[in-house]
Amino acid sequence: FVKIYPFGYASQTYGPISANETVNFVCVKSDESEISGVIKDEFGNSVGLSADSKIIVKAYKSGDTGGFEAKVQAETDGSFTIEGLDAGKTYQLKFIFIQNNGVVKSQWADENGVGVDKRDDAKGFETNQEILFQFKN
């Protein structure tokens, strides 16, 4: 079997194959392989990130020990799109607010899109969904 992990696209597997056999993969970007959304502060306002702050959004396969899959830095308005996820799978999202190179908040998204501290309380979001996330105090 051959498996590829092209950046920004879903992973693909083909096989079984023999030695010296050629395999071609077609990588297509689509909404089915991404999760997007907007991040709000604890008061429900747009985050409006400054030059010394950023928010990193990480996607993990759902489950207590599901592995890290992808990350993206949110835009200054709080919008984000994580690409290259496997279509139809569920992912738990972790939001990390960094200011002056230090972590200010690190929270998982629950079923209502509100920040929680424990991964056990995080919801799994399917691809092709838009998420509204709000940090909690």
C-alpha atoms as a PDB file:
ATOM      1  CA  PHE A   1       0.000   0.000   0.000  1.00  0.00           C
ATOM      2  CA  VAL A   2       1.042   3.585  -0.647  1.00  0.00           C
ATOM      3  CA  LYS A   3      -0.272   6.451   1.476  1.00  0.00           C
ATOM      4  CA  ILE A   4       0.306  10.148   0.751  1.00  0.00           C
ATOM      5  CA  TYR A   5      -0.097  13.163   3.043  1.00  0.00           C
ATOM      6  CA  PRO A   6      -0.130  16.187   0.711  1.00  0.00           C
ATOM      7  CA  PHE A   7      -0.098  19.514   2.582  1.00  0.00           C
ATOM      8  CA  GLY A   8      -3.508  21.196   2.410  1.00  0.00           C
ATOM      9  CA  TYR A   9      -5.247  18.106   1.009  1.00  0.00           C
ATOM     10  CA  ALA A  10      -6.767  14.970   2.485  1.00  0.00           C
ATOM     11  CA  SER A  11      -4.507  11.929   2.850  1.00  0.00           C
ATOM     12  CA  GLN A  12      -5.022   9.114   0.339  1.00  0.00           C
ATOM     13  CA  THR A  13      -4.199   5.407   0.241  1.00  0.00           C
ATOM     14  CA  TYR A  14      -3.870   3.087  -2.744  1.00  0.00           C
ATOM     15  CA  GLY A  15      -3.019  -0.564  -2.869  1.00  0.00           C
ATOM     16  CA  PRO A  16      -2.003  -3.218  -2.707  1.00  0.00           C
ATOM     17  CA  ILE A  17       0.674  -2.612  -5.326  1.00  0.00           C
ATOM     18  CA  SER A  18       3.734  -4.466  -6.585  1.00  0.00           C
ATOM     19  CA  ALA A  19       7.325  -3.269  -6.621  1.00  0.00           C
ATOM     20  CA  ASN A  20       8.044  -1.026  -9.648  1.00  0.00           C
ATOM     21  CA  GLU A  21       4.322  -0.329 -10.124  1.00  0.00           C
ATOM     22  CA  THR A  22       3.412   3.320 -10.735  1.00  0.00           C
ATOM     23  CA  VAL A  23       0.568   4.948  -8.827  1.00  0.00           C
ATOM     24  CA  ASN A  24      -1.045   8.293  -9.630  1.00  0.00           C
ATOM     25  CA  PHE A  25      -2.972  10.346  -7.093  1.00  0.00           C
ATOM     26  CA  VAL A  26      -5.324  13.230  -7.848  1.00  0.00           C
ATOM     27  CA  CYS A  27      -5.478  15.846  -5.092  1.00  0.00           C
ATOM     28  CA  VAL A  28      -8.506  18.122  -5.150  1.00  0.00           C
ATOM     29  CA  LYS A  29      -9.288  20.871  -2.652  1.00  0.00           C
ATOM     30  CA  SER A  30     -12.878  20.995  -1.492  1.00  0.00           C
ATOM     31  CA  ASP A  31     -15.029  22.172   1.396  1.00  0.00           C
ATOM     32  CA  GLU A  32     -15.473  18.523   2.371  1.00  0.00           C
ATOM     33  CA  SER A  33     -11.862  18.405   3.600  1.00  0.00           C
ATOM     34  CA  GLU A  34     -11.858  21.540   5.748  1.00  0.00           C
ATOM     35  CA  ILE A  35     -13.319  23.120   8.870  1.00  0.00           C
ATOM     36  CA  SER A  36     -13.689  26.882   9.041  1.00  0.00           C
ATOM     37  CA  GLY A  37     -15.034  29.357  11.526  1.00  0.00           C
ATOM     38  CA  VAL A  38     -14.777  32.567  13.495  1.00  0.00           C
ATOM     39  CA  ILE A  39     -13.339  33.138  16.970  1.00  0.00           C
ATOM     40  CA  LYS A  40     -14.889  35.540  19.504  1.00  0.00           C
ATOM     41  CA  ASP A  41     -13.597  36.765  22.855  1.00  0.00           C
ATOM     42  CA  GLU A  42     -15.223  35.843  26.181  1.00  0.00           C
ATOM     43  CA  PHE A  43     -17.742  38.688  25.736  1.00  0.00           C
ATOM     44  CA  GLY A  44     -18.844  37.583  22.251  1.00  0.00           C
ATOM     45  CA  ASN A  45     -16.946  40.357  20.460  1.00  0.00           C
ATOM     46  CA  SER A  46     -14.666  39.923  17.450  1.00  0.00           C
ATOM     47  CA  VAL A  47     -11.147  39.189  18.627  1.00  0.00           C
ATOM     48  CA  GLY A  48      -9.407  41.910  16.575  1.00  0.00           C
ATOM     49  CA  LEU A  49      -5.883  40.554  16.995  1.00  0.00           C
ATOM     50  CA  SER A  50      -3.020  43.021  17.379  1.00  0.00           C
ATOM     51  CA  ALA A  51       0.527  42.691  16.041  1.00  0.00           C
ATOM     52  CA  ASP A  52       1.747  41.076  19.283  1.00  0.00           C
ATOM     53  CA  SER A  53      -1.019  38.454  19.493  1.00  0.00           C
ATOM     54  CA  LYS A  54      -2.203  35.439  17.532  1.00  0.00           C
ATOM     55  CA  ILE A  55      -4.554  32.490  17.816  1.00  0.00           C
ATOM     56  CA  ILE A  56      -3.502  29.020  16.700  1.00  0.00           C
ATOM     57  CA  VAL A  57      -6.257  26.497  15.927  1.00  0.00           C
ATOM     58  CA  LYS A  58      -5.268  22.828  16.083  1.00  0.00           C
ATOM     59  CA  ALA A  59      -7.337  19.896  14.822  1.00  0.00           C
ATOM     60  CA  TYR A  60      -7.044  16.469  16.458  1.00  0.00           C
ATOM     61  CA  LYS A  61      -8.773  13.244  15.460  1.00  0.00           C
ATOM     62  CA  SER A  62     -11.743  12.787  17.787  1.00  0.00           C
ATOM     63  CA  GLY A  63     -11.275  10.647  20.868  1.00  0.00           C
ATOM     64  CA  ASP A  64      -9.238  10.916  24.035  1.00  0.00           C
ATOM     65  CA  THR A  65      -6.019   9.942  22.307  1.00  0.00           C
ATOM     66  CA  GLY A  66      -6.741  10.926  18.689  1.00  0.00           C
ATOM     67  CA  GLY A  67      -3.617  12.331  17.113  1.00  0.00           C
ATOM     68  CA  PHE A  68      -2.802  15.830  15.950  1.00  0.00           C
ATOM     69  CA  GLU A  69      -3.767  16.387  12.302  1.00  0.00           C
ATOM     70  CA  ALA A  70      -3.325  20.036  11.311  1.00  0.00           C
ATOM     71  CA  LYS A  71      -3.000  23.587  12.594  1.00  0.00           C
ATOM     72  CA  VAL A  72      -3.554  27.066  11.262  1.00  0.00           C
ATOM     73  CA  GLN A  73      -3.063  30.614  12.497  1.00  0.00           C
ATOM     74  CA  ALA A  74      -6.311  32.585  12.592  1.00  0.00           C
ATOM     75  CA  GLU A  75      -6.604  35.812  10.609  1.00  0.00           C
ATOM     76  CA  THR A  76      -6.556  39.119  12.522  1.00  0.00           C
ATOM     77  CA  ASP A  77     -10.380  39.204  12.414  1.00  0.00           C
ATOM     78  CA  GLY A  78     -10.582  35.760  14.069  1.00  0.00           C
ATOM     79  CA  SER A  79     -11.557  33.794  10.970  1.00  0.00           C
ATOM     80  CA  PHE A  80      -9.810  30.502  10.211  1.00  0.00           C
ATOM     81  CA  THR A  81      -9.865  27.572   7.790  1.00  0.00           C
ATOM     82  CA  ILE A  82      -8.135  24.262   8.487  1.00  0.00           C
ATOM     83  CA  GLU A  83      -7.526  22.445   5.202  1.00  0.00           C
ATOM     84  CA  GLY A  84      -6.390  18.951   4.300  1.00  0.00           C
ATOM     85  CA  LEU A  85      -8.598  17.007   6.698  1.00  0.00           C
ATOM     86  CA  ASP A  86     -10.187  13.669   5.840  1.00  0.00           C
ATOM     87  CA  ALA A  87     -13.741  14.247   4.578  1.00  0.00           C
ATOM     88  CA  GLY A  88     -16.500  12.904   6.807  1.00  0.00           C
ATOM     89  CA  LYS A  89     -14.242  12.451   9.843  1.00  0.00           C
ATOM     90  CA  THR A  90     -14.667  14.281  13.136  1.00  0.00           C
ATOM     91  CA  TYR A  91     -12.043  16.468  14.751  1.00  0.00           C
ATOM     92  CA  GLN A  92     -11.672  18.107  18.134  1.00  0.00           C
ATOM     93  CA  LEU A  93     -10.459  21.698  17.956  1.00  0.00           C
ATOM     94  CA  LYS A  94      -8.050  23.398  20.339  1.00  0.00           C
ATOM     95  CA  PHE A  95      -7.739  27.201  20.347  1.00  0.00           C
ATOM     96  CA  ILE A  96      -4.536  28.745  21.708  1.00  0.00           C
ATOM     97  CA  PHE A  97      -4.387  32.500  22.308  1.00  0.00           C
ATOM     98  CA  ILE A  98      -0.799  33.773  22.371  1.00  0.00           C
ATOM     99  CA  GLN A  99       0.248  37.308  23.300  1.00  0.00           C
ATOM    100  CA  ASN A 100       3.833  38.595  23.583  1.00  0.00           C
ATOM    101  CA  ASN A 101       5.036  35.028  22.858  1.00  0.00           C
ATOM    102  CA  GLY A 102       3.230  33.612  25.907  1.00  0.00           C
ATOM    103  CA  VAL A 103       0.128  31.420  26.032  1.00  0.00           C
ATOM    104  CA  VAL A 104      -2.773  33.405  27.531  1.00  0.00           C
ATOM    105  CA  LYS A 105      -5.543  30.828  26.997  1.00  0.00           C
ATOM    106  CA  SER A 106      -5.634  27.287  25.652  1.00  0.00           C
ATOM    107  CA  GLN A 107      -9.137  25.830  25.315  1.00  0.00           C
ATOM    108  CA  TRP A 108     -11.020  23.085  23.478  1.00  0.00           C
ATOM    109  CA  ALA A 109     -14.350  23.741  21.725  1.00  0.00           C
ATOM    110  CA  ASP A 110     -17.400  22.140  23.350  1.00  0.00           C
ATOM    111  CA  GLU A 111     -20.691  21.258  21.620  1.00  0.00           C
ATOM    112  CA  ASN A 112     -21.822  24.906  21.796  1.00  0.00           C
ATOM    113  CA  GLY A 113     -18.522  26.290  20.514  1.00  0.00           C
ATOM    114  CA  VAL A 114     -17.551  27.567  23.967  1.00  0.00           C
ATOM    115  CA  GLY A 115     -14.073  27.017  25.386  1.00  0.00           C
ATOM    116  CA  VAL A 116     -13.483  24.183  27.860  1.00  0.00           C
ATOM    117  CA  ASP A 117     -10.264  23.188  29.606  1.00  0.00           C
ATOM    118  CA  LYS A 118     -10.418  19.387  29.250  1.00  0.00           C
ATOM    119  CA  ARG A 119     -10.284  17.447  26.024  1.00  0.00           C
ATOM    120  CA  ASP A 120     -12.843  15.021  27.486  1.00  0.00           C
ATOM    121  CA  ASP A 121     -15.388  17.867  27.348  1.00  0.00           C
ATOM    122  CA  ALA A 122     -14.589  18.791  23.733  1.00  0.00           C
ATOM    123  CA  LYS A 123     -16.978  18.027  20.884  1.00  0.00           C
ATOM    124  CA  GLY A 124     -15.990  16.390  17.622  1.00  0.00           C
ATOM    125  CA  PHE A 125     -16.734  18.584  14.598  1.00  0.00           C
ATOM    126  CA  GLU A 126     -17.170  17.103  11.125  1.00  0.00           C
ATOM    127  CA  THR A 127     -15.483  18.505   8.061  1.00  0.00           C
ATOM    128  CA  ASN A 128     -17.457  20.888   5.853  1.00  0.00           C
ATOM    129  CA  GLN A 129     -18.741  22.707   8.949  1.00  0.00           C
ATOM    130  CA  GLU A 130     -18.430  26.312  10.046  1.00  0.00           C
ATOM    131  CA  ILE A 131     -17.674  26.795  13.734  1.00  0.00           C
ATOM    132  CA  LEU A 132     -18.353  29.820  15.914  1.00  0.00           C
ATOM    133  CA  PHE A 133     -15.924  29.558  18.843  1.00  0.00           C
ATOM    134  CA  GLN A 134     -15.978  31.742  21.933  1.00  0.00           C
ATOM    135  CA  PHE A 135     -13.273  31.774  24.602  1.00  0.00           C
ATOM    136  CA  LYS A 136     -14.556  31.467  28.160  1.00  0.00           C
ATOM    137  CA  ASN A 137     -13.266  33.548  31.065  1.00  0.00           C
END
